[in-house]
Amino acid sequence: MWAGIVLIALVGLIHLFLASEYFEYASYLGLLFVANVVGAIASAVGIYRGSSWGWILGVFVAGGAFGMYVISRAFGLPGLPQSEREWFDPPGVFSLIVEALFVVLYIWRATQATADRR
């Protein structure tokens, strides 16, 4: 439980620190970063309370952020300058690692729960 809370909180914190930068490029990008923060907070609360929706929301938050990073680098997004399409930008890579770890942790927990029911 605590690993999930820490990982999803890190996802939210990374996006919180980067939100103002992305508001400068395009308002919708900044709003997506803020939505990620709100989703991460809600997910952490749900996980803490032992609710399965917290994990599921966290997978959407982390998986969505991971997917949008890949899309933004591979294809670009409206308002995102070419200079921000660098694949190996340190905060982005750190975010990808944390997001992937959260999703892997969720999958591991889900498979363990299924195995325990047998």
PDB file of N, CA and C in Angstrom:
ATOM      1  N   MET A   1       0.821  -1.191   0.000  1.00  0.00           N
ATOM      2  CA  MET A   1       0.000   0.000   0.000  1.00  0.00           C
ATOM      3  C   MET A   1       0.866   1.256   0.000  1.00  0.00           C
ATOM      4  N   TRP A   2       1.859   1.294   0.902  1.00  0.00           N
ATOM      5  CA  TRP A   2       2.681   2.504   1.007  1.00  0.00           C
ATOM      6  C   TRP A   2       3.508   2.758  -0.240  1.00  0.00           C
ATOM      7  N   ALA A   3       3.982   1.700  -0.871  1.00  0.00           N
ATOM      8  CA  ALA A   3       4.743   1.880  -2.117  1.00  0.00           C
ATOM      9  C   ALA A   3       3.859   2.529  -3.180  1.00  0.00           C
ATOM     10  N   GLY A   4       2.618   2.099  -3.275  1.00  0.00           N
ATOM     11  CA  GLY A   4       1.684   2.690  -4.234  1.00  0.00           C
ATOM     12  C   GLY A   4       1.416   4.149  -3.940  1.00  0.00           C
ATOM     13  N   ILE A   5       1.227   4.465  -2.663  1.00  0.00           N
ATOM     14  CA  ILE A   5       0.970   5.857  -2.267  1.00  0.00           C
ATOM     15  C   ILE A   5       2.173   6.734  -2.602  1.00  0.00           C
ATOM     16  N   VAL A   6       3.369   6.253  -2.262  1.00  0.00           N
ATOM     17  CA  VAL A   6       4.579   7.039  -2.538  1.00  0.00           C
ATOM     18  C   VAL A   6       4.765   7.243  -4.037  1.00  0.00           C
ATOM     19  N   LEU A   7       4.588   6.181  -4.814  1.00  0.00           N
ATOM     20  CA  LEU A   7       4.787   6.297  -6.266  1.00  0.00           C
ATOM     21  C   LEU A   7       3.780   7.245  -6.903  1.00  0.00           C
ATOM     22  N   ILE A   8       2.504   7.124  -6.553  1.00  0.00           N
ATOM     23  CA  ILE A   8       1.507   7.998  -7.178  1.00  0.00           C
ATOM     24  C   ILE A   8       1.673   9.433  -6.673  1.00  0.00           C
ATOM     25  N   ALA A   9       2.117   9.593  -5.435  1.00  0.00           N
ATOM     26  CA  ALA A   9       2.398  10.948  -4.932  1.00  0.00           C
ATOM     27  C   ALA A   9       3.562  11.570  -5.704  1.00  0.00           C
ATOM     28  N   LEU A  10       4.580  10.778  -6.014  1.00  0.00           N
ATOM     29  CA  LEU A  10       5.691  11.280  -6.822  1.00  0.00           C
ATOM     30  C   LEU A  10       5.233  11.693  -8.220  1.00  0.00           C
ATOM     31  N   VAL A  11       4.336  10.901  -8.802  1.00  0.00           N
ATOM     32  CA  VAL A  11       3.781  11.264 -10.114  1.00  0.00           C
ATOM     33  C   VAL A  11       3.111  12.640 -10.016  1.00  0.00           C
ATOM     34  N   GLY A  12       2.297  12.816  -8.990  1.00  0.00           N
ATOM     35  CA  GLY A  12       1.626  14.105  -8.800  1.00  0.00           C
ATOM     36  C   GLY A  12       2.597  15.250  -8.555  1.00  0.00           C
ATOM     37  N   LEU A  13       3.607  15.022  -7.718  1.00  0.00           N
ATOM     38  CA  LEU A  13       4.580  16.082  -7.423  1.00  0.00           C
ATOM     39  C   LEU A  13       5.372  16.501  -8.652  1.00  0.00           C
ATOM     40  N   ILE A  14       5.782  15.540  -9.446  1.00  0.00           N
ATOM     41  CA  ILE A  14       6.519  15.866 -10.664  1.00  0.00           C
ATOM     42  C   ILE A  14       5.665  16.763 -11.558  1.00  0.00           C
ATOM     43  N   HIS A  15       4.400  16.393 -11.718  1.00  0.00           N
ATOM     44  CA  HIS A  15       3.522  17.185 -12.579  1.00  0.00           C
ATOM     45  C   HIS A  15       3.183  18.541 -11.957  1.00  0.00           C
ATOM     46  N   LEU A  16       3.124  18.602 -10.644  1.00  0.00           N
ATOM     47  CA  LEU A  16       2.901  19.883  -9.973  1.00  0.00           C
ATOM     48  C   LEU A  16       4.052  20.848 -10.247  1.00  0.00           C
ATOM     49  N   PHE A  17       5.276  20.352 -10.135  1.00  0.00           N
ATOM     50  CA  PHE A  17       6.443  21.217 -10.357  1.00  0.00           C
ATOM     51  C   PHE A  17       6.581  21.643 -11.812  1.00  0.00           C
ATOM     52  N   LEU A  18       6.094  20.856 -12.748  1.00  0.00           N
ATOM     53  CA  LEU A  18       6.231  21.180 -14.164  1.00  0.00           C
ATOM     54  C   LEU A  18       5.024  21.919 -14.744  1.00  0.00           C
ATOM     55  N   ALA A  19       3.928  21.991 -14.008  1.00  0.00           N
ATOM     56  CA  ALA A  19       2.687  22.569 -14.538  1.00  0.00           C
ATOM     57  C   ALA A  19       2.864  24.002 -15.021  1.00  0.00           C
ATOM     58  N   SER A  20       3.535  24.839 -14.249  1.00  0.00           N
ATOM     59  CA  SER A  20       3.656  26.255 -14.639  1.00  0.00           C
ATOM     60  C   SER A  20       4.416  26.398 -15.959  1.00  0.00           C
ATOM     61  N   GLU A  21       5.412  25.560 -16.169  1.00  0.00           N
ATOM     62  CA  GLU A  21       6.167  25.592 -17.421  1.00  0.00           C
ATOM     63  C   GLU A  21       5.258  25.259 -18.609  1.00  0.00           C
ATOM     64  N   TYR A  22       4.394  24.283 -18.430  1.00  0.00           N
ATOM     65  CA  TYR A  22       3.519  23.869 -19.526  1.00  0.00           C
ATOM     66  C   TYR A  22       2.360  24.823 -19.737  1.00  0.00           C
ATOM     67  N   PHE A  23       1.960  25.577 -18.703  1.00  0.00           N
ATOM     68  CA  PHE A  23       0.967  26.640 -18.892  1.00  0.00           C
ATOM     69  C   PHE A  23       1.521  27.697 -19.840  1.00  0.00           C
ATOM     70  N   GLU A  24       2.835  27.918 -19.816  1.00  0.00           N
ATOM     71  CA  GLU A  24       3.455  28.902 -20.705  1.00  0.00           C
ATOM     72  C   GLU A  24       3.359  28.483 -22.164  1.00  0.00           C
ATOM     73  N   TYR A  25       3.365  27.193 -22.428  1.00  0.00           N
ATOM     74  CA  TYR A  25       3.280  26.714 -23.813  1.00  0.00           C
ATOM     75  C   TYR A  25       1.845  26.753 -24.315  1.00  0.00           C
ATOM     76  N   ALA A  26       0.939  26.190 -23.551  1.00  0.00           N
ATOM     77  CA  ALA A  26      -0.477  26.154 -23.933  1.00  0.00           C
ATOM     78  C   ALA A  26      -1.296  25.882 -22.670  1.00  0.00           C
ATOM     79  N   SER A  27      -2.382  26.608 -22.520  1.00  0.00           N
ATOM     80  CA  SER A  27      -3.209  26.470 -21.318  1.00  0.00           C
ATOM     81  C   SER A  27      -3.683  25.041 -21.106  1.00  0.00           C
ATOM     82  N   TYR A  28      -4.066  24.355 -22.182  1.00  0.00           N
ATOM     83  CA  TYR A  28      -4.587  23.000 -22.008  1.00  0.00           C
ATOM     84  C   TYR A  28      -3.521  22.058 -21.470  1.00  0.00           C
ATOM     85  N   LEU A  29      -2.251  22.286 -21.831  1.00  0.00           N
ATOM     86  CA  LEU A  29      -1.180  21.444 -21.304  1.00  0.00           C
ATOM     87  C   LEU A  29      -1.027  21.640 -19.797  1.00  0.00           C
ATOM     88  N   GLY A  30      -1.036  22.888 -19.365  1.00  0.00           N
ATOM     89  CA  GLY A  30      -0.958  23.160 -17.935  1.00  0.00           C
ATOM     90  C   GLY A  30      -2.135  22.565 -17.186  1.00  0.00           C
ATOM     91  N   LEU A  31      -3.331  22.662 -17.766  1.00  0.00           N
ATOM     92  CA  LEU A  31      -4.520  22.093 -17.131  1.00  0.00           C
ATOM     93  C   LEU A  31      -4.436  20.575 -17.049  1.00  0.00           C
ATOM     94  N   LEU A  32      -3.858  19.943 -18.059  1.00  0.00           N
ATOM     95  CA  LEU A  32      -3.669  18.486 -17.998  1.00  0.00           C
ATOM     96  C   LEU A  32      -2.712  18.108 -16.868  1.00  0.00           C
ATOM     97  N   PHE A  33      -1.685  18.913 -16.668  1.00  0.00           N
ATOM     98  CA  PHE A  33      -0.744  18.651 -15.576  1.00  0.00           C
ATOM     99  C   PHE A  33      -1.447  18.828 -14.231  1.00  0.00           C
ATOM    100  N   VAL A  34      -2.274  19.852 -14.099  1.00  0.00           N
ATOM    101  CA  VAL A  34      -3.022  20.063 -12.857  1.00  0.00           C
ATOM    102  C   VAL A  34      -4.015  18.922 -12.639  1.00  0.00           C
ATOM    103  N   ALA A  35      -4.679  18.476 -13.687  1.00  0.00           N
ATOM    104  CA  ALA A  35      -5.601  17.338 -13.572  1.00  0.00           C
ATOM    105  C   ALA A  35      -4.857  16.091 -13.113  1.00  0.00           C
ATOM    106  N   ASN A  36      -3.627  15.918 -13.587  1.00  0.00           N
ATOM    107  CA  ASN A  36      -2.814  14.791 -13.162  1.00  0.00           C
ATOM    108  C   ASN A  36      -2.536  14.874 -11.662  1.00  0.00           C
ATOM    109  N   VAL A  37      -2.235  16.066 -11.184  1.00  0.00           N
ATOM    110  CA  VAL A  37      -1.972  16.263  -9.751  1.00  0.00           C
ATOM    111  C   VAL A  37      -3.214  15.920  -8.928  1.00  0.00           C
ATOM    112  N   VAL A  38      -4.357  16.426  -9.339  1.00  0.00           N
ATOM    113  CA  VAL A  38      -5.611  16.162  -8.623  1.00  0.00           C
ATOM    114  C   VAL A  38      -5.927  14.664  -8.641  1.00  0.00           C
ATOM    115  N   GLY A  39      -5.752  14.025  -9.793  1.00  0.00           N
ATOM    116  CA  GLY A  39      -5.986  12.595  -9.899  1.00  0.00           C
ATOM    117  C   GLY A  39      -5.042  11.794  -9.020  1.00  0.00           C
ATOM    118  N   ALA A  40      -3.778  12.227  -8.955  1.00  0.00           N
ATOM    119  CA  ALA A  40      -2.796  11.529  -8.115  1.00  0.00           C
ATOM    120  C   ALA A  40      -3.163  11.648  -6.636  1.00  0.00           C
ATOM    121  N   ILE A  41      -3.619  12.823  -6.227  1.00  0.00           N
ATOM    122  CA  ILE A  41      -4.029  13.016  -4.834  1.00  0.00           C
ATOM    123  C   ILE A  41      -5.228  12.116  -4.505  1.00  0.00           C
ATOM    124  N   ALA A  42      -6.228  12.138  -5.385  1.00  0.00           N
ATOM    125  CA  ALA A  42      -7.414  11.303  -5.159  1.00  0.00           C
ATOM    126  C   ALA A  42      -7.037   9.821  -5.118  1.00  0.00           C
ATOM    127  N   SER A  43      -6.147   9.423  -6.010  1.00  0.00           N
ATOM    128  CA  SER A  43      -5.695   8.035  -6.040  1.00  0.00           C
ATOM    129  C   SER A  43      -5.000   7.657  -4.737  1.00  0.00           C
ATOM    130  N   ALA A  44      -4.110   8.515  -4.262  1.00  0.00           N
ATOM    131  CA  ALA A  44      -3.383   8.238  -3.016  1.00  0.00           C
ATOM    132  C   ALA A  44      -4.350   8.097  -1.839  1.00  0.00           C
ATOM    133  N   VAL A  45      -5.360   8.950  -1.797  1.00  0.00           N
ATOM    134  CA  VAL A  45      -6.365   8.865  -0.732  1.00  0.00           C
ATOM    135  C   VAL A  45      -7.125   7.549  -0.838  1.00  0.00           C
ATOM    136  N   GLY A  46      -7.532   7.184  -2.042  1.00  0.00           N
ATOM    137  CA  GLY A  46      -8.246   5.927  -2.235  1.00  0.00           C
ATOM    138  C   GLY A  46      -7.417   4.714  -1.851  1.00  0.00           C
ATOM    139  N   ILE A  47      -6.143   4.730  -2.225  1.00  0.00           N
ATOM    140  CA  ILE A  47      -5.254   3.620  -1.863  1.00  0.00           C
ATOM    141  C   ILE A  47      -5.109   3.549  -0.350  1.00  0.00           C
ATOM    142  N   TYR A  48      -4.916   4.696   0.294  1.00  0.00           N
ATOM    143  CA  TYR A  48      -4.777   4.730   1.750  1.00  0.00           C
ATOM    144  C   TYR A  48      -6.015   4.158   2.445  1.00  0.00           C
ATOM    145  N   ARG A  49      -7.177   4.449   1.887  1.00  0.00           N
ATOM    146  CA  ARG A  49      -8.430   3.958   2.472  1.00  0.00           C
ATOM    147  C   ARG A  49      -8.719   2.498   2.129  1.00  0.00           C
ATOM    148  N   GLY A  50      -7.862   1.908   1.310  1.00  0.00           N
ATOM    149  CA  GLY A  50      -8.038   0.505   0.953  1.00  0.00           C
ATOM    150  C   GLY A  50      -9.054   0.257  -0.147  1.00  0.00           C
ATOM    151  N   SER A  51      -9.376   1.296  -0.897  1.00  0.00           N
ATOM    152  CA  SER A  51     -10.363   1.174  -1.972  1.00  0.00           C
ATOM    153  C   SER A  51      -9.695   0.787  -3.282  1.00  0.00           C
ATOM    154  N   SER A  52     -10.295  -0.144  -3.978  1.00  0.00           N
ATOM    155  CA  SER A  52      -9.714  -0.574  -5.253  1.00  0.00           C
ATOM    156  C   SER A  52      -9.773   0.541  -6.298  1.00  0.00           C
ATOM    157  N   TRP A  53     -10.736   1.459  -6.192  1.00  0.00           N
ATOM    158  CA  TRP A  53     -10.817   2.553  -7.162  1.00  0.00           C
ATOM    159  C   TRP A  53      -9.582   3.439  -7.100  1.00  0.00           C
ATOM    160  N   GLY A  54      -8.936   3.522  -5.935  1.00  0.00           N
ATOM    161  CA  GLY A  54      -7.720   4.324  -5.823  1.00  0.00           C
ATOM    162  C   GLY A  54      -6.614   3.783  -6.710  1.00  0.00           C
ATOM    163  N   TRP A  55      -6.464   2.451  -6.712  1.00  0.00           N
ATOM    164  CA  TRP A  55      -5.458   1.818  -7.581  1.00  0.00           C
ATOM    165  C   TRP A  55      -5.825   1.988  -9.043  1.00  0.00           C
ATOM    166  N   ILE A  56      -7.093   1.799  -9.367  1.00  0.00           N
ATOM    167  CA  ILE A  56      -7.527   1.904 -10.762  1.00  0.00           C
ATOM    168  C   ILE A  56      -7.348   3.336 -11.268  1.00  0.00           C
ATOM    169  N   LEU A  57      -7.742   4.315 -10.456  1.00  0.00           N
ATOM    170  CA  LEU A  57      -7.530   5.707 -10.835  1.00  0.00           C
ATOM    171  C   LEU A  57      -6.037   5.986 -11.017  1.00  0.00           C
ATOM    172  N   GLY A  58      -5.222   5.453 -10.118  1.00  0.00           N
ATOM    173  CA  GLY A  58      -3.778   5.635 -10.227  1.00  0.00           C
ATOM    174  C   GLY A  58      -3.208   5.073 -11.509  1.00  0.00           C
ATOM    175  N   VAL A  59      -3.735   3.929 -11.949  1.00  0.00           N
ATOM    176  CA  VAL A  59      -3.277   3.350 -13.220  1.00  0.00           C
ATOM    177  C   VAL A  59      -3.640   4.275 -14.377  1.00  0.00           C
ATOM    178  N   PHE A  60      -4.827   4.863 -14.331  1.00  0.00           N
ATOM    179  CA  PHE A  60      -5.208   5.806 -15.387  1.00  0.00           C
ATOM    180  C   PHE A  60      -4.338   7.068 -15.339  1.00  0.00           C
ATOM    181  N   VAL A  61      -4.062   7.566 -14.154  1.00  0.00           N
ATOM    182  CA  VAL A  61      -3.237   8.762 -14.013  1.00  0.00           C
ATOM    183  C   VAL A  61      -1.811   8.487 -14.492  1.00  0.00           C
ATOM    184  N   ALA A  62      -1.187   7.442 -13.938  1.00  0.00           N
ATOM    185  CA  ALA A  62       0.201   7.126 -14.289  1.00  0.00           C
ATOM    186  C   ALA A  62       0.314   6.633 -15.729  1.00  0.00           C
ATOM    187  N   GLY A  63      -0.577   5.736 -16.122  1.00  0.00           N
ATOM    188  CA  GLY A  63      -0.539   5.212 -17.489  1.00  0.00           C
ATOM    189  C   GLY A  63      -0.851   6.278 -18.519  1.00  0.00           C
ATOM    190  N   GLY A  64      -1.799   7.153 -18.197  1.00  0.00           N
ATOM    191  CA  GLY A  64      -2.131   8.254 -19.106  1.00  0.00           C
ATOM    192  C   GLY A  64      -0.968   9.221 -19.276  1.00  0.00           C
ATOM    193  N   ALA A  65      -0.312   9.540 -18.171  1.00  0.00           N
ATOM    194  CA  ALA A  65       0.847  10.438 -18.241  1.00  0.00           C
ATOM    195  C   ALA A  65       1.976   9.800 -19.051  1.00  0.00           C
ATOM    196  N   PHE A  66       2.203   8.514 -18.825  1.00  0.00           N
ATOM    197  CA  PHE A  66       3.235   7.786 -19.576  1.00  0.00           C
ATOM    198  C   PHE A  66       2.915   7.829 -21.073  1.00  0.00           C
ATOM    199  N   GLY A  67       1.679   7.505 -21.400  1.00  0.00           N
ATOM    200  CA  GLY A  67       1.266   7.500 -22.802  1.00  0.00           C
ATOM    201  C   GLY A  67       1.359   8.868 -23.451  1.00  0.00           C
ATOM    202  N   MET A  68       0.945   9.899 -22.733  1.00  0.00           N
ATOM    203  CA  MET A  68       1.009  11.253 -23.297  1.00  0.00           C
ATOM    204  C   MET A  68       2.449  11.732 -23.476  1.00  0.00           C
ATOM    205  N   TYR A  69       3.349  11.301 -22.603  1.00  0.00           N
ATOM    206  CA  TYR A  69       4.766  11.640 -22.775  1.00  0.00           C
ATOM    207  C   TYR A  69       5.267  11.056 -24.093  1.00  0.00           C
ATOM    208  N   VAL A  70       4.961   9.788 -24.315  1.00  0.00           N
ATOM    209  CA  VAL A  70       5.397   9.115 -25.544  1.00  0.00           C
ATOM    210  C   VAL A  70       4.783   9.798 -26.768  1.00  0.00           C
ATOM    211  N   ILE A  71       3.488  10.086 -26.722  1.00  0.00           N
ATOM    212  CA  ILE A  71       2.815  10.747 -27.845  1.00  0.00           C
ATOM    213  C   ILE A  71       3.406  12.126 -28.090  1.00  0.00           C
ATOM    214  N   SER A  72       3.637  12.884 -27.010  1.00  0.00           N
ATOM    215  CA  SER A  72       4.158  14.248 -27.183  1.00  0.00           C
ATOM    216  C   SER A  72       5.555  14.245 -27.791  1.00  0.00           C
ATOM    217  N   ARG A  73       6.345  13.236 -27.479  1.00  0.00           N
ATOM    218  CA  ARG A  73       7.700  13.167 -28.024  1.00  0.00           C
ATOM    219  C   ARG A  73       7.702  12.597 -29.436  1.00  0.00           C
ATOM    220  N   ALA A  74       6.852  11.642 -29.686  1.00  0.00           N
ATOM    221  CA  ALA A  74       6.829  10.986 -31.000  1.00  0.00           C
ATOM    222  C   ALA A  74       6.123  11.831 -32.061  1.00  0.00           C
ATOM    223  N   PHE A  75       5.021  12.470 -31.687  1.00  0.00           N
ATOM    224  CA  PHE A  75       4.210  13.179 -32.672  1.00  0.00           C
ATOM    225  C   PHE A  75       4.078  14.676 -32.404  1.00  0.00           C
ATOM    226  N   GLY A  76       4.369  15.113 -31.179  1.00  0.00           N
ATOM    227  CA  GLY A  76       4.173  16.508 -30.803  1.00  0.00           C
ATOM    228  C   GLY A  76       2.735  16.751 -30.372  1.00  0.00           C
ATOM    229  N   LEU A  77       2.513  17.887 -29.776  1.00  0.00           N
ATOM    230  CA  LEU A  77       1.184  18.308 -29.351  1.00  0.00           C
ATOM    231  C   LEU A  77       1.015  19.775 -29.735  1.00  0.00           C
ATOM    232  N   PRO A  78      -0.206  20.218 -30.016  1.00  0.00           N
ATOM    233  CA  PRO A  78      -0.413  21.624 -30.355  1.00  0.00           C
ATOM    234  C   PRO A  78       0.096  22.543 -29.239  1.00  0.00           C
ATOM    235  N   GLY A  79       0.898  23.505 -29.608  1.00  0.00           N
ATOM    236  CA  GLY A  79       1.434  24.465 -28.646  1.00  0.00           C
ATOM    237  C   GLY A  79       2.728  24.039 -27.989  1.00  0.00           C
ATOM    238  N   LEU A  80       3.110  22.789 -28.130  1.00  0.00           N
ATOM    239  CA  LEU A  80       4.345  22.301 -27.516  1.00  0.00           C
ATOM    240  C   LEU A  80       5.499  22.561 -28.474  1.00  0.00           C
ATOM    241  N   PRO A  81       6.462  23.394 -28.057  1.00  0.00           N
ATOM    242  CA  PRO A  81       7.565  23.714 -28.976  1.00  0.00           C
ATOM    243  C   PRO A  81       8.445  22.503 -29.277  1.00  0.00           C
ATOM    244  N   GLN A  82       9.095  22.554 -30.398  1.00  0.00           N
ATOM    245  CA  GLN A  82       9.981  21.475 -30.823  1.00  0.00           C
ATOM    246  C   GLN A  82      11.051  21.189 -29.767  1.00  0.00           C
ATOM    247  N   SER A  83      11.500  22.226 -29.072  1.00  0.00           N
ATOM    248  CA  SER A  83      12.542  22.061 -28.055  1.00  0.00           C
ATOM    249  C   SER A  83      12.082  21.188 -26.893  1.00  0.00           C
ATOM    250  N   GLU A  84      10.787  21.056 -26.704  1.00  0.00           N
ATOM    251  CA  GLU A  84      10.246  20.238 -25.614  1.00  0.00           C
ATOM    252  C   GLU A  84       9.943  18.809 -26.049  1.00  0.00           C
ATOM    253  N   ARG A  85      10.418  18.433 -27.210  1.00  0.00           N
ATOM    254  CA  ARG A  85      10.172  17.073 -27.696  1.00  0.00           C
ATOM    255  C   ARG A  85      11.391  16.183 -27.485  1.00  0.00           C
ATOM    256  N   GLU A  86      12.275  16.606 -26.597  1.00  0.00           N
ATOM    257  CA  GLU A  86      13.470  15.828 -26.282  1.00  0.00           C
ATOM    258  C   GLU A  86      13.067  14.603 -25.454  1.00  0.00           C
ATOM    259  N   TRP A  87      13.491  13.428 -25.893  1.00  0.00           N
ATOM    260  CA  TRP A  87      13.109  12.176 -25.239  1.00  0.00           C
ATOM    261  C   TRP A  87      13.752  11.995 -23.869  1.00  0.00           C
ATOM    262  N   PHE A  88      14.978  12.431 -23.716  1.00  0.00           N
ATOM    263  CA  PHE A  88      15.723  12.094 -22.505  1.00  0.00           C
ATOM    264  C   PHE A  88      15.889  13.260 -21.550  1.00  0.00           C
ATOM    265  N   ASP A  89      14.870  14.081 -21.454  1.00  0.00           N
ATOM    266  CA  ASP A  89      14.877  15.178 -20.497  1.00  0.00           C
ATOM    267  C   ASP A  89      14.734  14.562 -19.094  1.00  0.00           C
ATOM    268  N   PRO A  90      15.653  14.900 -18.158  1.00  0.00           N
ATOM    269  CA  PRO A  90      15.703  14.209 -16.853  1.00  0.00           C
ATOM    270  C   PRO A  90      14.380  14.132 -16.083  1.00  0.00           C
ATOM    271  N   PRO A  91      13.617  15.232 -15.934  1.00  0.00           N
ATOM    272  CA  PRO A  91      12.348  15.081 -15.211  1.00  0.00           C
ATOM    273  C   PRO A  91      11.382  14.136 -15.935  1.00  0.00           C
ATOM    274  N   GLY A  92      11.411  14.171 -17.251  1.00  0.00           N
ATOM    275  CA  GLY A  92      10.532  13.292 -18.019  1.00  0.00           C
ATOM    276  C   GLY A  92      10.890  11.826 -17.856  1.00  0.00           C
ATOM    277  N   VAL A  93      12.170  11.531 -17.893  1.00  0.00           N
ATOM    278  CA  VAL A  93      12.619  10.140 -17.725  1.00  0.00           C
ATOM    279  C   VAL A  93      12.304   9.654 -16.316  1.00  0.00           C
ATOM    280  N   PHE A  94      12.544  10.497 -15.312  1.00  0.00           N
ATOM    281  CA  PHE A  94      12.221  10.130 -13.935  1.00  0.00           C
ATOM    282  C   PHE A  94      10.724   9.864 -13.804  1.00  0.00           C
ATOM    283  N   SER A  95       9.919  10.721 -14.414  1.00  0.00           N
ATOM    284  CA  SER A  95       8.474  10.545 -14.370  1.00  0.00           C
ATOM    285  C   SER A  95       8.064   9.230 -15.025  1.00  0.00           C
ATOM    286  N   LEU A  96       8.651   8.908 -16.173  1.00  0.00           N
ATOM    287  CA  LEU A  96       8.343   7.647 -16.849  1.00  0.00           C
ATOM    288  C   LEU A  96       8.659   6.446 -15.957  1.00  0.00           C
ATOM    289  N   ILE A  97       9.785   6.503 -15.284  1.00  0.00           N
ATOM    290  CA  ILE A  97      10.184   5.401 -14.405  1.00  0.00           C
ATOM    291  C   ILE A  97       9.183   5.229 -13.265  1.00  0.00           C
ATOM    292  N   VAL A  98       8.825   6.334 -12.624  1.00  0.00           N
ATOM    293  CA  VAL A  98       7.885   6.280 -11.494  1.00  0.00           C
ATOM    294  C   VAL A  98       6.512   5.793 -11.967  1.00  0.00           C
ATOM    295  N   GLU A  99       6.052   6.302 -13.106  1.00  0.00           N
ATOM    296  CA  GLU A  99       4.742   5.892 -13.634  1.00  0.00           C
ATOM    297  C   GLU A  99       4.735   4.401 -13.976  1.00  0.00           C
ATOM    298  N   ALA A 100       5.793   3.947 -14.625  1.00  0.00           N
ATOM    299  CA  ALA A 100       5.881   2.525 -14.977  1.00  0.00           C
ATOM    300  C   ALA A 100       5.932   1.660 -13.719  1.00  0.00           C
ATOM    301  N   LEU A 101       6.673   2.086 -12.710  1.00  0.00           N
ATOM    302  CA  LEU A 101       6.741   1.327 -11.462  1.00  0.00           C
ATOM    303  C   LEU A 101       5.373   1.215 -10.801  1.00  0.00           C
ATOM    304  N   PHE A 102       4.594   2.296 -10.840  1.00  0.00           N
ATOM    305  CA  PHE A 102       3.258   2.248 -10.250  1.00  0.00           C
ATOM    306  C   PHE A 102       2.391   1.225 -10.979  1.00  0.00           C
ATOM    307  N   VAL A 103       2.406   1.272 -12.309  1.00  0.00           N
ATOM    308  CA  VAL A 103       1.589   0.341 -13.090  1.00  0.00           C
ATOM    309  C   VAL A 103       2.034  -1.102 -12.847  1.00  0.00           C
ATOM    310  N   VAL A 104       3.342  -1.333 -12.798  1.00  0.00           N
ATOM    311  CA  VAL A 104       3.860  -2.680 -12.531  1.00  0.00           C
ATOM    312  C   VAL A 104       3.438  -3.143 -11.138  1.00  0.00           C
ATOM    313  N   LEU A 105       3.510  -2.251 -10.157  1.00  0.00           N
ATOM    314  CA  LEU A 105       3.071  -2.597  -8.800  1.00  0.00           C
ATOM    315  C   LEU A 105       1.597  -2.964  -8.786  1.00  0.00           C
ATOM    316  N   TYR A 106       0.773  -2.201  -9.505  1.00  0.00           N
ATOM    317  CA  TYR A 106      -0.660  -2.522  -9.580  1.00  0.00           C
ATOM    318  C   TYR A 106      -0.872  -3.909 -10.198  1.00  0.00           C
ATOM    319  N   ILE A 107      -0.194  -4.186 -11.302  1.00  0.00           N
ATOM    320  CA  ILE A 107      -0.342  -5.486 -11.965  1.00  0.00           C
ATOM    321  C   ILE A 107       0.101  -6.604 -11.027  1.00  0.00           C
ATOM    322  N   TRP A 108       1.210  -6.403 -10.339  1.00  0.00           N
ATOM    323  CA  TRP A 108       1.696  -7.411  -9.386  1.00  0.00           C
ATOM    324  C   TRP A 108       0.676  -7.654  -8.283  1.00  0.00           C
ATOM    325  N   ARG A 109       0.118  -6.571  -7.724  1.00  0.00           N
ATOM    326  CA  ARG A 109      -0.891  -6.716  -6.660  1.00  0.00           C
ATOM    327  C   ARG A 109      -2.128  -7.433  -7.179  1.00  0.00           C
ATOM    328  N   ALA A 110      -2.550  -7.083  -8.384  1.00  0.00           N
ATOM    329  CA  ALA A 110      -3.748  -7.701  -8.953  1.00  0.00           C
ATOM    330  C   ALA A 110      -3.535  -9.194  -9.197  1.00  0.00           C
ATOM    331  N   THR A 111      -2.361  -9.560  -9.675  1.00  0.00           N
ATOM    332  CA  THR A 111      -2.094 -10.984  -9.916  1.00  0.00           C
ATOM    333  C   THR A 111      -1.940 -11.741  -8.601  1.00  0.00           C
ATOM    334  N   GLN A 112      -1.386 -11.103  -7.583  1.00  0.00           N
ATOM    335  CA  GLN A 112      -1.270 -11.742  -6.271  1.00  0.00           C
ATOM    336  C   GLN A 112      -2.644 -11.966  -5.658  1.00  0.00           C
ATOM    337  N   ALA A 113      -3.508 -10.981  -5.791  1.00  0.00           N
ATOM    338  CA  ALA A 113      -4.865 -11.115  -5.248  1.00  0.00           C
ATOM    339  C   ALA A 113      -5.612 -12.235  -5.957  1.00  0.00           C
ATOM    340  N   THR A 114      -5.417 -12.342  -7.266  1.00  0.00           N
ATOM    341  CA  THR A 114      -6.068 -13.418  -8.026  1.00  0.00           C
ATOM    342  C   THR A 114      -5.529 -14.777  -7.598  1.00  0.00           C
ATOM    343  N   ALA A 115      -4.217 -14.871  -7.408  1.00  0.00           N
ATOM    344  CA  ALA A 115      -3.600 -16.125  -6.991  1.00  0.00           C
ATOM    345  C   ALA A 115      -4.049 -16.513  -5.587  1.00  0.00           C
ATOM    346  N   ASP A 116      -4.230 -15.541  -4.704  1.00  0.00           N
ATOM    347  CA  ASP A 116      -4.667 -15.816  -3.336  1.00  0.00           C
ATOM    348  C   ASP A 116      -6.100 -16.334  -3.286  1.00  0.00           C
ATOM    349  N   ARG A 117      -6.916 -15.975  -4.250  1.00  0.00           N
ATOM    350  CA  ARG A 117      -8.319 -16.398  -4.274  1.00  0.00           C
ATOM    351  C   ARG A 117      -8.470 -17.848  -4.717  1.00  0.00           C
ATOM    352  N   ARG A 118      -7.448 -18.400  -5.331  1.00  0.00           N
ATOM    353  CA  ARG A 118      -7.541 -19.784  -5.845  1.00  0.00           C
ATOM    354  C   ARG A 118      -7.417 -20.781  -4.763  1.00  0.00           C
TER     355      ARG A 118
END
